[in-house]
Amino acid sequence: MKRHKIFLASSSELKEDRDKFEVFISRKNKDLITQDIFIELVMWEDFIDAMSKSRLQDEYNKAITECDIFILLFFTKVGKYTEEEFEHAFAHFKVNNRPLVYTYFKDAAINTGMLDDNVLSLLQFKKKLGDLGHFYTEYKNIDELKFHFDQQLGKLGFFKFDVQAKGNEAPSVIIKDSENVNIGSINSDGNVIIGNTNRNS
């Protein structure tokens, strides 16, 4: 069976979105099992909060490097550990082309009581992503997040992506082996960019 690992990270304020995303992956696996594929979702809740020879955060970072995809969710703040996880994943991707890094910002109504100094960390992090040339995606609710990522799984070839052509529509292209696809980047529209591109061209 082909196994793929996804690490999902976010601050505690998005726990509900994380839980619903976990249910989404679980249901997706019911379909993928027929193709002999299984997606393992890794979250910090899966780790034992006990004394060890290293920081628990180091265990998270190690798990990130073992994953195929790293997903990061943000809303009103960016915690130092969450930012550390991003930096660890992004640095590993630059050297090893994995894990692919997906960064999502939730664009939803914010209670003014939630606004504090942490909002500044969010703005600074968005600027940092721009400086790195890393694209991020905004989502309004969990359904948008699931829809966008479901499309990405198909585009990356994690499973057979076969949309039947209707009428004059062009036939679909099926990618069967994502390990042979050299991913340069993923833009804000969710399109996969193959190889290196010159943004000034």
N, C-alpha and C. Protein backbone atom coordinates (compact mmCIF):
# COMPACT_ATOMS: atom_id res chain seq x y z
N MET A 1 0.84 -1.20 0.00
CA MET A 1 0.00 0.00 0.00
C MET A 1 0.87 1.25 0.00
N LYS A 2 0.53 2.21 -0.83
CA LYS A 2 1.25 3.47 -0.91
C LYS A 2 0.79 4.38 0.23
N ARG A 3 1.73 4.84 1.05
CA ARG A 3 1.40 5.69 2.19
C ARG A 3 2.00 7.08 1.99
N HIS A 4 1.21 8.09 2.33
CA HIS A 4 1.67 9.48 2.29
C HIS A 4 1.41 10.11 3.65
N LYS A 5 2.36 10.90 4.14
CA LYS A 5 2.22 11.52 5.45
C LYS A 5 2.04 13.03 5.30
N ILE A 6 1.07 13.54 6.04
CA ILE A 6 0.79 14.97 6.05
C ILE A 6 0.86 15.48 7.48
N PHE A 7 1.63 16.52 7.70
CA PHE A 7 1.71 17.14 9.03
C PHE A 7 0.84 18.39 9.02
N LEU A 8 -0.11 18.46 9.97
CA LEU A 8 -1.02 19.60 10.08
C LEU A 8 -0.69 20.38 11.34
N ALA A 9 -0.38 21.66 11.17
CA ALA A 9 -0.01 22.50 12.31
C ALA A 9 -0.86 23.77 12.34
N SER A 10 -1.13 24.24 13.54
CA SER A 10 -1.84 25.51 13.71
C SER A 10 -1.80 25.88 15.18
N SER A 11 -2.21 27.10 15.48
CA SER A 11 -2.34 27.50 16.88
C SER A 11 -3.62 26.89 17.44
N SER A 12 -3.76 26.96 18.76
CA SER A 12 -4.90 26.32 19.43
C SER A 12 -6.23 26.94 19.03
N GLU A 13 -6.23 28.19 18.56
CA GLU A 13 -7.49 28.86 18.21
C GLU A 13 -8.18 28.21 17.02
N LEU A 14 -7.44 27.41 16.24
CA LEU A 14 -8.03 26.74 15.08
C LEU A 14 -8.20 25.24 15.31
N LYS A 15 -8.35 24.86 16.55
CA LYS A 15 -8.52 23.44 16.87
C LYS A 15 -9.74 22.84 16.16
N GLU A 16 -10.83 23.60 16.09
CA GLU A 16 -12.04 23.09 15.44
C GLU A 16 -11.78 22.80 13.96
N ASP A 17 -11.05 23.68 13.30
CA ASP A 17 -10.71 23.45 11.89
C ASP A 17 -9.81 22.24 11.74
N ARG A 18 -8.86 22.07 12.66
CA ARG A 18 -7.97 20.90 12.61
C ARG A 18 -8.77 19.62 12.77
N ASP A 19 -9.70 19.62 13.71
CA ASP A 19 -10.51 18.42 13.96
C ASP A 19 -11.36 18.07 12.74
N LYS A 20 -11.94 19.08 12.10
CA LYS A 20 -12.78 18.83 10.92
C LYS A 20 -11.92 18.39 9.74
N PHE A 21 -10.70 18.91 9.65
CA PHE A 21 -9.80 18.49 8.58
C PHE A 21 -9.40 17.04 8.79
N GLU A 22 -9.23 16.64 10.03
CA GLU A 22 -8.90 15.25 10.32
C GLU A 22 -10.02 14.32 9.88
N VAL A 23 -11.27 14.72 10.11
CA VAL A 23 -12.42 13.94 9.66
C VAL A 23 -12.43 13.86 8.13
N PHE A 24 -12.11 14.96 7.48
CA PHE A 24 -12.05 15.00 6.01
C PHE A 24 -11.04 13.99 5.48
N ILE A 25 -9.85 13.94 6.07
CA ILE A 25 -8.82 13.00 5.62
C ILE A 25 -9.26 11.57 5.89
N SER A 26 -9.90 11.35 7.01
CA SER A 26 -10.39 10.01 7.34
C SER A 26 -11.39 9.52 6.30
N ARG A 27 -12.29 10.39 5.89
CA ARG A 27 -13.28 10.02 4.87
C ARG A 27 -12.61 9.85 3.50
N LYS A 28 -11.61 10.68 3.23
CA LYS A 28 -10.88 10.56 1.97
C LYS A 28 -10.19 9.20 1.88
N ASN A 29 -9.68 8.72 3.00
CA ASN A 29 -9.01 7.43 3.02
C ASN A 29 -9.95 6.28 2.65
N LYS A 30 -11.23 6.42 2.95
CA LYS A 30 -12.19 5.39 2.60
C LYS A 30 -12.28 5.23 1.08
N ASP A 31 -12.10 6.34 0.36
CA ASP A 31 -12.09 6.29 -1.10
C ASP A 31 -10.75 5.82 -1.63
N LEU A 32 -9.68 6.29 -1.00
CA LEU A 32 -8.33 5.97 -1.49
C LEU A 32 -7.95 4.52 -1.27
N ILE A 33 -8.57 3.88 -0.30
CA ILE A 33 -8.21 2.49 0.01
C ILE A 33 -8.45 1.60 -1.20
N THR A 34 -9.41 1.98 -2.05
CA THR A 34 -9.70 1.19 -3.25
C THR A 34 -8.57 1.31 -4.28
N GLN A 35 -7.73 2.36 -4.12
CA GLN A 35 -6.58 2.55 -5.01
C GLN A 35 -5.29 2.13 -4.31
N ASP A 36 -5.43 1.47 -3.18
CA ASP A 36 -4.29 0.98 -2.41
C ASP A 36 -3.41 2.14 -1.93
N ILE A 37 -4.08 3.22 -1.50
CA ILE A 37 -3.39 4.41 -1.00
C ILE A 37 -3.94 4.77 0.37
N PHE A 38 -3.04 5.24 1.25
CA PHE A 38 -3.47 5.67 2.59
C PHE A 38 -2.74 6.96 2.95
N ILE A 39 -3.48 7.94 3.46
CA ILE A 39 -2.89 9.19 3.92
C ILE A 39 -2.85 9.19 5.44
N GLU A 40 -1.67 9.35 5.99
CA GLU A 40 -1.51 9.43 7.44
C GLU A 40 -1.40 10.90 7.84
N LEU A 41 -2.35 11.36 8.64
CA LEU A 41 -2.34 12.74 9.10
C LEU A 41 -1.68 12.81 10.47
N VAL A 42 -0.65 13.64 10.58
CA VAL A 42 0.10 13.79 11.83
C VAL A 42 -0.21 15.16 12.42
N MET A 43 -0.62 15.18 13.70
CA MET A 43 -0.89 16.44 14.40
C MET A 43 -0.20 16.39 15.76
N TRP A 44 -0.02 17.57 16.37
CA TRP A 44 0.70 17.58 17.63
C TRP A 44 -0.05 16.83 18.72
N GLU A 45 -1.35 16.68 18.57
CA GLU A 45 -2.12 15.91 19.56
C GLU A 45 -1.70 14.45 19.59
N ASP A 46 -1.04 13.99 18.51
CA ASP A 46 -0.63 12.59 18.43
C ASP A 46 0.60 12.29 19.27
N PHE A 47 1.29 13.33 19.72
CA PHE A 47 2.52 13.12 20.48
C PHE A 47 2.24 13.03 21.97
N ILE A 48 3.03 12.22 22.64
CA ILE A 48 2.88 12.05 24.09
C ILE A 48 3.57 13.21 24.79
N ASP A 49 2.82 13.93 25.59
CA ASP A 49 3.38 15.07 26.32
C ASP A 49 4.07 14.57 27.59
N ALA A 50 5.25 14.05 27.42
CA ALA A 50 5.99 13.48 28.54
C ALA A 50 7.45 13.87 28.43
N MET A 51 8.18 13.67 29.50
CA MET A 51 9.59 14.02 29.50
C MET A 51 10.35 13.13 28.52
N SER A 52 11.27 13.74 27.79
CA SER A 52 12.11 12.99 26.87
C SER A 52 13.49 13.61 26.87
N LYS A 53 14.42 13.00 26.15
CA LYS A 53 15.79 13.51 26.12
C LYS A 53 15.90 14.80 25.32
N SER A 54 14.90 15.10 24.53
CA SER A 54 14.91 16.32 23.74
C SER A 54 13.61 17.07 23.94
N ARG A 55 13.56 18.31 23.46
CA ARG A 55 12.33 19.08 23.52
C ARG A 55 11.23 18.35 22.75
N LEU A 56 10.00 18.49 23.22
CA LEU A 56 8.89 17.91 22.47
C LEU A 56 8.79 18.58 21.11
N GLN A 57 9.13 19.88 21.05
CA GLN A 57 9.12 20.59 19.78
C GLN A 57 10.10 19.97 18.80
N ASP A 58 11.22 19.45 19.31
CA ASP A 58 12.19 18.78 18.43
C ASP A 58 11.58 17.53 17.82
N GLU A 59 10.71 16.85 18.59
CA GLU A 59 10.03 15.67 18.07
C GLU A 59 9.08 16.07 16.94
N TYR A 60 8.39 17.21 17.12
CA TYR A 60 7.51 17.71 16.06
C TYR A 60 8.33 17.99 14.80
N ASN A 61 9.46 18.67 14.98
CA ASN A 61 10.29 19.05 13.84
C ASN A 61 10.81 17.83 13.10
N LYS A 62 11.16 16.80 13.84
CA LYS A 62 11.63 15.56 13.23
C LYS A 62 10.52 14.93 12.40
N ALA A 63 9.30 14.93 12.96
CA ALA A 63 8.16 14.35 12.24
C ALA A 63 7.87 15.12 10.96
N ILE A 64 8.07 16.44 11.00
CA ILE A 64 7.83 17.28 9.82
C ILE A 64 8.71 16.85 8.66
N THR A 65 9.99 16.57 8.94
CA THR A 65 10.92 16.20 7.87
C THR A 65 10.60 14.83 7.28
N GLU A 66 9.81 14.04 7.99
CA GLU A 66 9.45 12.71 7.51
C GLU A 66 8.16 12.72 6.71
N CYS A 67 7.53 13.89 6.60
CA CYS A 67 6.24 13.99 5.91
C CYS A 67 6.42 14.41 4.45
N ASP A 68 5.39 14.12 3.66
CA ASP A 68 5.37 14.51 2.25
C ASP A 68 4.82 15.92 2.08
N ILE A 69 3.89 16.29 2.98
CA ILE A 69 3.25 17.60 2.92
C ILE A 69 3.17 18.19 4.32
N PHE A 70 3.42 19.50 4.40
CA PHE A 70 3.30 20.23 5.66
C PHE A 70 2.24 21.31 5.46
N ILE A 71 1.19 21.28 6.28
CA ILE A 71 0.10 22.25 6.19
C ILE A 71 0.10 23.11 7.43
N LEU A 72 0.02 24.42 7.23
CA LEU A 72 0.04 25.37 8.33
C LEU A 72 -1.19 26.25 8.25
N LEU A 73 -1.95 26.33 9.35
CA LEU A 73 -3.15 27.15 9.40
C LEU A 73 -2.94 28.32 10.36
N PHE A 74 -3.37 29.51 9.94
CA PHE A 74 -3.27 30.71 10.78
C PHE A 74 -4.60 31.44 10.81
N PHE A 75 -4.80 32.20 11.89
CA PHE A 75 -6.00 33.03 11.98
C PHE A 75 -5.62 34.43 12.48
N THR A 76 -5.49 34.61 13.79
CA THR A 76 -5.22 35.95 14.32
C THR A 76 -3.80 36.11 14.86
N LYS A 77 -3.02 35.05 14.88
CA LYS A 77 -1.68 35.16 15.46
C LYS A 77 -0.76 34.08 14.90
N VAL A 78 0.53 34.29 15.12
CA VAL A 78 1.55 33.31 14.74
C VAL A 78 2.41 33.06 15.96
N GLY A 79 2.28 31.89 16.55
CA GLY A 79 3.08 31.54 17.72
C GLY A 79 4.51 31.24 17.34
N LYS A 80 5.42 31.39 18.29
CA LYS A 80 6.84 31.18 17.98
C LYS A 80 7.13 29.74 17.59
N TYR A 81 6.41 28.78 18.19
CA TYR A 81 6.66 27.38 17.86
C TYR A 81 6.10 27.03 16.48
N THR A 82 4.93 27.62 16.16
CA THR A 82 4.35 27.39 14.85
C THR A 82 5.25 27.97 13.76
N GLU A 83 5.81 29.14 14.03
CA GLU A 83 6.73 29.75 13.07
C GLU A 83 8.00 28.91 12.94
N GLU A 84 8.44 28.34 14.05
CA GLU A 84 9.62 27.47 14.01
C GLU A 84 9.35 26.25 13.14
N GLU A 85 8.14 25.71 13.24
CA GLU A 85 7.78 24.55 12.43
C GLU A 85 7.80 24.90 10.94
N PHE A 86 7.28 26.09 10.61
CA PHE A 86 7.32 26.52 9.21
C PHE A 86 8.76 26.64 8.72
N GLU A 87 9.60 27.30 9.50
CA GLU A 87 10.99 27.49 9.10
C GLU A 87 11.69 26.16 8.91
N HIS A 88 11.40 25.20 9.79
CA HIS A 88 12.01 23.88 9.70
C HIS A 88 11.55 23.17 8.42
N ALA A 89 10.25 23.23 8.15
CA ALA A 89 9.71 22.58 6.95
C ALA A 89 10.22 23.24 5.68
N PHE A 90 10.24 24.57 5.66
CA PHE A 90 10.65 25.30 4.46
C PHE A 90 12.13 25.07 4.16
N ALA A 91 12.96 25.06 5.20
CA ALA A 91 14.39 24.83 5.01
C ALA A 91 14.64 23.42 4.48
N HIS A 92 13.88 22.45 5.01
CA HIS A 92 14.05 21.06 4.56
C HIS A 92 13.58 20.91 3.12
N PHE A 93 12.52 21.63 2.74
CA PHE A 93 12.02 21.57 1.37
C PHE A 93 13.05 22.12 0.38
N LYS A 94 13.71 23.21 0.74
CA LYS A 94 14.68 23.83 -0.16
C LYS A 94 15.84 22.89 -0.48
N VAL A 95 16.16 22.01 0.46
CA VAL A 95 17.27 21.08 0.26
C VAL A 95 16.80 19.76 -0.36
N ASN A 96 15.63 19.27 0.08
CA ASN A 96 15.19 17.92 -0.29
C ASN A 96 13.94 17.87 -1.16
N ASN A 97 13.37 19.05 -1.50
CA ASN A 97 12.11 19.10 -2.27
C ASN A 97 10.94 18.46 -1.55
N ARG A 98 11.03 18.30 -0.28
CA ARG A 98 9.94 17.81 0.56
C ARG A 98 10.22 18.19 2.00
N PRO A 99 9.18 18.41 2.78
CA PRO A 99 7.77 18.31 2.40
C PRO A 99 7.31 19.54 1.62
N LEU A 100 6.30 19.34 0.78
CA LEU A 100 5.66 20.48 0.15
C LEU A 100 4.98 21.29 1.25
N VAL A 101 5.08 22.61 1.18
CA VAL A 101 4.57 23.46 2.25
C VAL A 101 3.34 24.23 1.77
N TYR A 102 2.22 24.02 2.45
CA TYR A 102 0.99 24.75 2.17
C TYR A 102 0.67 25.63 3.38
N THR A 103 0.53 26.93 3.14
CA THR A 103 0.21 27.87 4.21
C THR A 103 -1.15 28.48 3.96
N TYR A 104 -2.03 28.37 4.94
CA TYR A 104 -3.39 28.88 4.82
C TYR A 104 -3.68 29.91 5.91
N PHE A 105 -4.32 31.00 5.51
CA PHE A 105 -4.77 32.01 6.47
C PHE A 105 -6.29 32.04 6.44
N LYS A 106 -6.90 31.97 7.60
CA LYS A 106 -8.35 32.01 7.68
C LYS A 106 -8.82 33.45 7.60
N ASP A 107 -9.66 33.73 6.61
CA ASP A 107 -10.20 35.07 6.40
C ASP A 107 -11.64 35.09 6.89
N ALA A 108 -11.81 35.24 8.17
CA ALA A 108 -13.14 35.21 8.78
C ALA A 108 -13.29 36.41 9.72
N ALA A 109 -14.54 36.66 10.11
CA ALA A 109 -14.80 37.78 11.01
C ALA A 109 -14.05 37.59 12.32
N ILE A 110 -13.48 38.67 12.82
CA ILE A 110 -12.71 38.62 14.06
C ILE A 110 -13.39 39.47 15.11
N ASN A 111 -13.62 38.89 16.26
CA ASN A 111 -14.15 39.63 17.40
C ASN A 111 -13.10 40.62 17.86
N THR A 112 -13.49 41.88 18.03
CA THR A 112 -12.50 42.89 18.42
C THR A 112 -11.81 42.54 19.73
N GLY A 113 -12.47 41.73 20.54
CA GLY A 113 -11.85 41.31 21.79
C GLY A 113 -10.68 40.37 21.56
N MET A 114 -10.59 39.81 20.34
CA MET A 114 -9.50 38.90 20.02
C MET A 114 -8.25 39.64 19.55
N LEU A 115 -8.41 40.94 19.26
CA LEU A 115 -7.29 41.71 18.74
C LEU A 115 -6.34 42.11 19.86
N ASP A 116 -5.10 41.76 19.72
CA ASP A 116 -4.08 42.13 20.69
C ASP A 116 -2.74 42.24 19.97
N ASP A 117 -1.68 42.24 20.74
CA ASP A 117 -0.35 42.39 20.13
C ASP A 117 0.01 41.23 19.21
N ASN A 118 -0.70 40.09 19.36
CA ASN A 118 -0.39 38.93 18.53
C ASN A 118 -0.71 39.17 17.06
N VAL A 119 -1.65 40.10 16.79
CA VAL A 119 -2.00 40.38 15.41
C VAL A 119 -0.78 40.90 14.64
N LEU A 120 0.08 41.63 15.33
CA LEU A 120 1.29 42.14 14.70
C LEU A 120 2.16 40.99 14.20
N SER A 121 2.19 39.89 14.97
CA SER A 121 2.99 38.73 14.56
C SER A 121 2.46 38.15 13.26
N LEU A 122 1.14 38.23 13.06
CA LEU A 122 0.52 37.73 11.84
C LEU A 122 0.95 38.56 10.63
N LEU A 123 0.90 39.88 10.78
CA LEU A 123 1.28 40.78 9.69
C LEU A 123 2.76 40.62 9.36
N GLN A 124 3.59 40.47 10.37
CA GLN A 124 5.02 40.30 10.15
C GLN A 124 5.31 38.98 9.43
N PHE A 125 4.55 37.95 9.78
CA PHE A 125 4.77 36.65 9.16
C PHE A 125 4.34 36.67 7.69
N LYS A 126 3.24 37.35 7.39
CA LYS A 126 2.82 37.47 5.99
C LYS A 126 3.89 38.18 5.16
N LYS A 127 4.49 39.21 5.74
CA LYS A 127 5.56 39.92 5.04
C LYS A 127 6.75 38.99 4.83
N LYS A 128 7.04 38.17 5.83
CA LYS A 128 8.14 37.23 5.74
C LYS A 128 7.91 36.24 4.60
N LEU A 129 6.68 35.77 4.46
CA LEU A 129 6.35 34.84 3.38
C LEU A 129 6.57 35.50 2.02
N GLY A 130 6.19 36.79 1.93
CA GLY A 130 6.39 37.51 0.69
C GLY A 130 7.87 37.64 0.35
N ASP A 131 8.67 37.92 1.36
CA ASP A 131 10.12 38.04 1.15
C ASP A 131 10.73 36.71 0.70
N LEU A 132 10.16 35.61 1.18
CA LEU A 132 10.65 34.28 0.81
C LEU A 132 10.13 33.82 -0.55
N GLY A 133 9.15 34.55 -1.08
CA GLY A 133 8.54 34.13 -2.34
C GLY A 133 7.62 32.94 -2.16
N HIS A 134 7.10 32.78 -0.94
CA HIS A 134 6.22 31.64 -0.64
C HIS A 134 4.76 32.09 -0.74
N PHE A 135 3.98 31.41 -1.56
CA PHE A 135 2.58 31.75 -1.74
C PHE A 135 1.73 31.17 -0.61
N TYR A 136 0.72 31.92 -0.21
CA TYR A 136 -0.22 31.38 0.77
C TYR A 136 -1.63 31.51 0.21
N THR A 137 -2.55 30.79 0.81
CA THR A 137 -3.94 30.76 0.37
C THR A 137 -4.84 31.16 1.52
N GLU A 138 -5.87 31.94 1.23
CA GLU A 138 -6.84 32.32 2.25
C GLU A 138 -8.09 31.45 2.11
N TYR A 139 -8.71 31.16 3.23
CA TYR A 139 -9.97 30.40 3.21
C TYR A 139 -10.93 31.01 4.22
N LYS A 140 -12.21 31.01 3.87
CA LYS A 140 -13.22 31.63 4.72
C LYS A 140 -13.80 30.66 5.74
N ASN A 141 -13.84 29.39 5.39
CA ASN A 141 -14.41 28.39 6.29
C ASN A 141 -13.78 27.03 5.99
N ILE A 142 -14.10 26.05 6.79
CA ILE A 142 -13.48 24.73 6.66
C ILE A 142 -13.82 24.08 5.32
N ASP A 143 -15.01 24.37 4.79
CA ASP A 143 -15.39 23.78 3.50
C ASP A 143 -14.48 24.27 2.39
N GLU A 144 -14.13 25.56 2.41
CA GLU A 144 -13.20 26.09 1.41
C GLU A 144 -11.82 25.45 1.56
N LEU A 145 -11.39 25.27 2.79
CA LEU A 145 -10.09 24.65 3.03
C LEU A 145 -10.07 23.23 2.50
N LYS A 146 -11.10 22.46 2.79
CA LYS A 146 -11.16 21.07 2.33
C LYS A 146 -11.22 21.00 0.81
N PHE A 147 -12.02 21.89 0.21
CA PHE A 147 -12.16 21.88 -1.25
C PHE A 147 -10.83 22.19 -1.92
N HIS A 148 -10.14 23.21 -1.44
CA HIS A 148 -8.86 23.59 -2.04
C HIS A 148 -7.84 22.47 -1.91
N PHE A 149 -7.74 21.89 -0.72
CA PHE A 149 -6.72 20.87 -0.53
C PHE A 149 -7.07 19.58 -1.26
N ASP A 150 -8.35 19.29 -1.39
CA ASP A 150 -8.77 18.11 -2.15
C ASP A 150 -8.30 18.24 -3.60
N GLN A 151 -8.38 19.45 -4.14
CA GLN A 151 -7.89 19.68 -5.50
C GLN A 151 -6.38 19.47 -5.58
N GLN A 152 -5.67 19.90 -4.55
CA GLN A 152 -4.21 19.76 -4.55
C GLN A 152 -3.78 18.30 -4.55
N LEU A 153 -4.48 17.48 -3.81
CA LEU A 153 -4.14 16.06 -3.77
C LEU A 153 -4.24 15.45 -5.16
N GLY A 154 -5.25 15.88 -5.91
CA GLY A 154 -5.39 15.38 -7.27
C GLY A 154 -4.30 15.90 -8.18
N LYS A 155 -3.99 17.19 -8.08
CA LYS A 155 -2.97 17.79 -8.94
C LYS A 155 -1.59 17.21 -8.67
N LEU A 156 -1.33 16.85 -7.42
CA LEU A 156 -0.02 16.30 -7.07
C LEU A 156 0.09 14.82 -7.38
N GLY A 157 -1.02 14.20 -7.77
CA GLY A 157 -0.97 12.78 -8.13
C GLY A 157 -0.98 11.86 -6.94
N PHE A 158 -1.47 12.32 -5.79
CA PHE A 158 -1.55 11.43 -4.63
C PHE A 158 -2.57 10.33 -4.87
N PHE A 159 -3.53 10.64 -5.75
CA PHE A 159 -4.49 9.61 -6.14
C PHE A 159 -4.91 9.90 -7.57
N LYS A 160 -5.56 8.95 -8.17
CA LYS A 160 -5.98 9.08 -9.56
C LYS A 160 -6.94 10.25 -9.71
N PHE A 161 -6.53 11.26 -10.47
CA PHE A 161 -7.33 12.46 -10.65
C PHE A 161 -7.97 12.38 -12.03
N ASP A 162 -9.16 11.85 -12.09
CA ASP A 162 -9.78 11.55 -13.38
C ASP A 162 -11.15 12.22 -13.45
N VAL A 163 -11.22 13.33 -14.16
CA VAL A 163 -12.49 14.03 -14.36
C VAL A 163 -12.95 13.77 -15.78
N GLN A 164 -14.09 13.15 -15.94
CA GLN A 164 -14.57 12.80 -17.27
C GLN A 164 -14.90 14.05 -18.08
N ALA A 165 -14.43 14.09 -19.30
CA ALA A 165 -14.72 15.22 -20.18
C ALA A 165 -16.17 15.16 -20.65
N LYS A 166 -16.80 16.35 -20.75
CA LYS A 166 -18.18 16.42 -21.21
C LYS A 166 -18.26 17.39 -22.38
N GLY A 167 -18.98 16.99 -23.41
CA GLY A 167 -19.14 17.87 -24.55
C GLY A 167 -17.82 18.21 -25.20
N ASN A 168 -17.53 19.52 -25.27
CA ASN A 168 -16.31 19.98 -25.92
C ASN A 168 -15.16 20.19 -24.93
N GLU A 169 -15.35 19.75 -23.70
CA GLU A 169 -14.30 19.93 -22.70
C GLU A 169 -13.09 19.08 -23.05
N ALA A 170 -11.93 19.58 -22.70
CA ALA A 170 -10.70 18.82 -22.95
C ALA A 170 -10.63 17.63 -22.02
N PRO A 171 -10.05 16.53 -22.48
CA PRO A 171 -9.93 15.35 -21.62
C PRO A 171 -9.00 15.62 -20.46
N SER A 172 -9.18 14.91 -19.37
CA SER A 172 -8.36 15.12 -18.19
C SER A 172 -7.00 14.49 -18.36
N VAL A 173 -6.04 14.98 -17.58
CA VAL A 173 -4.70 14.42 -17.54
C VAL A 173 -4.52 13.72 -16.20
N ILE A 174 -4.09 12.48 -16.23
CA ILE A 174 -3.94 11.70 -15.01
C ILE A 174 -2.47 11.61 -14.64
N ILE A 175 -2.13 12.05 -13.43
CA ILE A 175 -0.77 11.93 -12.91
C ILE A 175 -0.76 10.77 -11.94
N LYS A 176 0.01 9.75 -12.21
CA LYS A 176 -0.02 8.56 -11.38
C LYS A 176 1.11 8.48 -10.38
N ASP A 177 2.22 9.14 -10.64
CA ASP A 177 3.37 8.99 -9.75
C ASP A 177 3.91 10.36 -9.39
N SER A 178 3.48 10.91 -8.24
CA SER A 178 3.89 12.25 -7.87
C SER A 178 5.36 12.33 -7.52
N GLU A 179 6.01 11.20 -7.22
CA GLU A 179 7.41 11.22 -6.85
C GLU A 179 8.28 11.63 -8.03
N ASN A 180 7.76 11.49 -9.26
CA ASN A 180 8.52 11.85 -10.44
C ASN A 180 8.19 13.25 -10.94
N VAL A 181 7.42 13.99 -10.16
CA VAL A 181 7.06 15.35 -10.54
C VAL A 181 7.94 16.31 -9.75
N ASN A 182 8.65 17.19 -10.45
CA ASN A 182 9.51 18.17 -9.80
C ASN A 182 8.70 19.43 -9.57
N ILE A 183 8.31 19.66 -8.33
CA ILE A 183 7.48 20.80 -8.01
C ILE A 183 8.34 22.02 -7.74
N GLY A 184 8.12 23.09 -8.49
CA GLY A 184 8.86 24.30 -8.23
C GLY A 184 8.17 25.13 -7.17
N SER A 185 6.84 25.30 -7.32
CA SER A 185 6.10 26.11 -6.37
C SER A 185 4.62 25.85 -6.56
N ILE A 186 3.81 26.45 -5.69
CA ILE A 186 2.37 26.35 -5.79
C ILE A 186 1.83 27.76 -5.62
N ASN A 187 1.10 28.27 -6.61
CA ASN A 187 0.68 29.65 -6.51
C ASN A 187 -0.61 29.80 -5.72
N SER A 188 -1.04 31.05 -5.54
CA SER A 188 -2.19 31.32 -4.68
C SER A 188 -3.48 30.77 -5.24
N ASP A 189 -3.52 30.46 -6.53
CA ASP A 189 -4.72 29.87 -7.12
C ASP A 189 -4.73 28.36 -6.99
N GLY A 190 -3.68 27.82 -6.41
CA GLY A 190 -3.63 26.39 -6.22
C GLY A 190 -3.05 25.64 -7.39
N ASN A 191 -2.52 26.33 -8.40
CA ASN A 191 -1.95 25.67 -9.55
C ASN A 191 -0.53 25.22 -9.27
N VAL A 192 -0.19 24.05 -9.75
CA VAL A 192 1.15 23.52 -9.56
C VAL A 192 2.07 24.06 -10.64
N ILE A 193 3.19 24.63 -10.24
CA ILE A 193 4.18 25.15 -11.17
C ILE A 193 5.32 24.15 -11.25
N ILE A 194 5.57 23.63 -12.44
CA ILE A 194 6.59 22.60 -12.61
C ILE A 194 7.95 23.26 -12.87
N GLY A 195 8.94 22.86 -12.09
CA GLY A 195 10.30 23.37 -12.27
C GLY A 195 10.43 24.81 -11.79
N ASN A 196 11.51 25.45 -12.16
CA ASN A 196 11.76 26.83 -11.77
C ASN A 196 11.14 27.78 -12.78
N THR A 197 10.58 28.87 -12.28
CA THR A 197 9.98 29.86 -13.17
C THR A 197 10.55 31.23 -12.86
N ASN A 198 10.57 32.06 -13.87
CA ASN A 198 11.03 33.43 -13.70
C ASN A 198 9.81 34.32 -13.58
N ARG A 199 9.56 34.85 -12.39
CA ARG A 199 8.35 35.63 -12.16
C ARG A 199 8.37 36.96 -12.91
N ASN A 200 9.56 37.35 -13.40
CA ASN A 200 9.65 38.61 -14.13
C ASN A 200 9.41 38.44 -15.63
N SER A 201 9.31 37.18 -16.07
CA SER A 201 9.15 36.94 -17.50
C SER A 201 7.70 37.06 -17.92
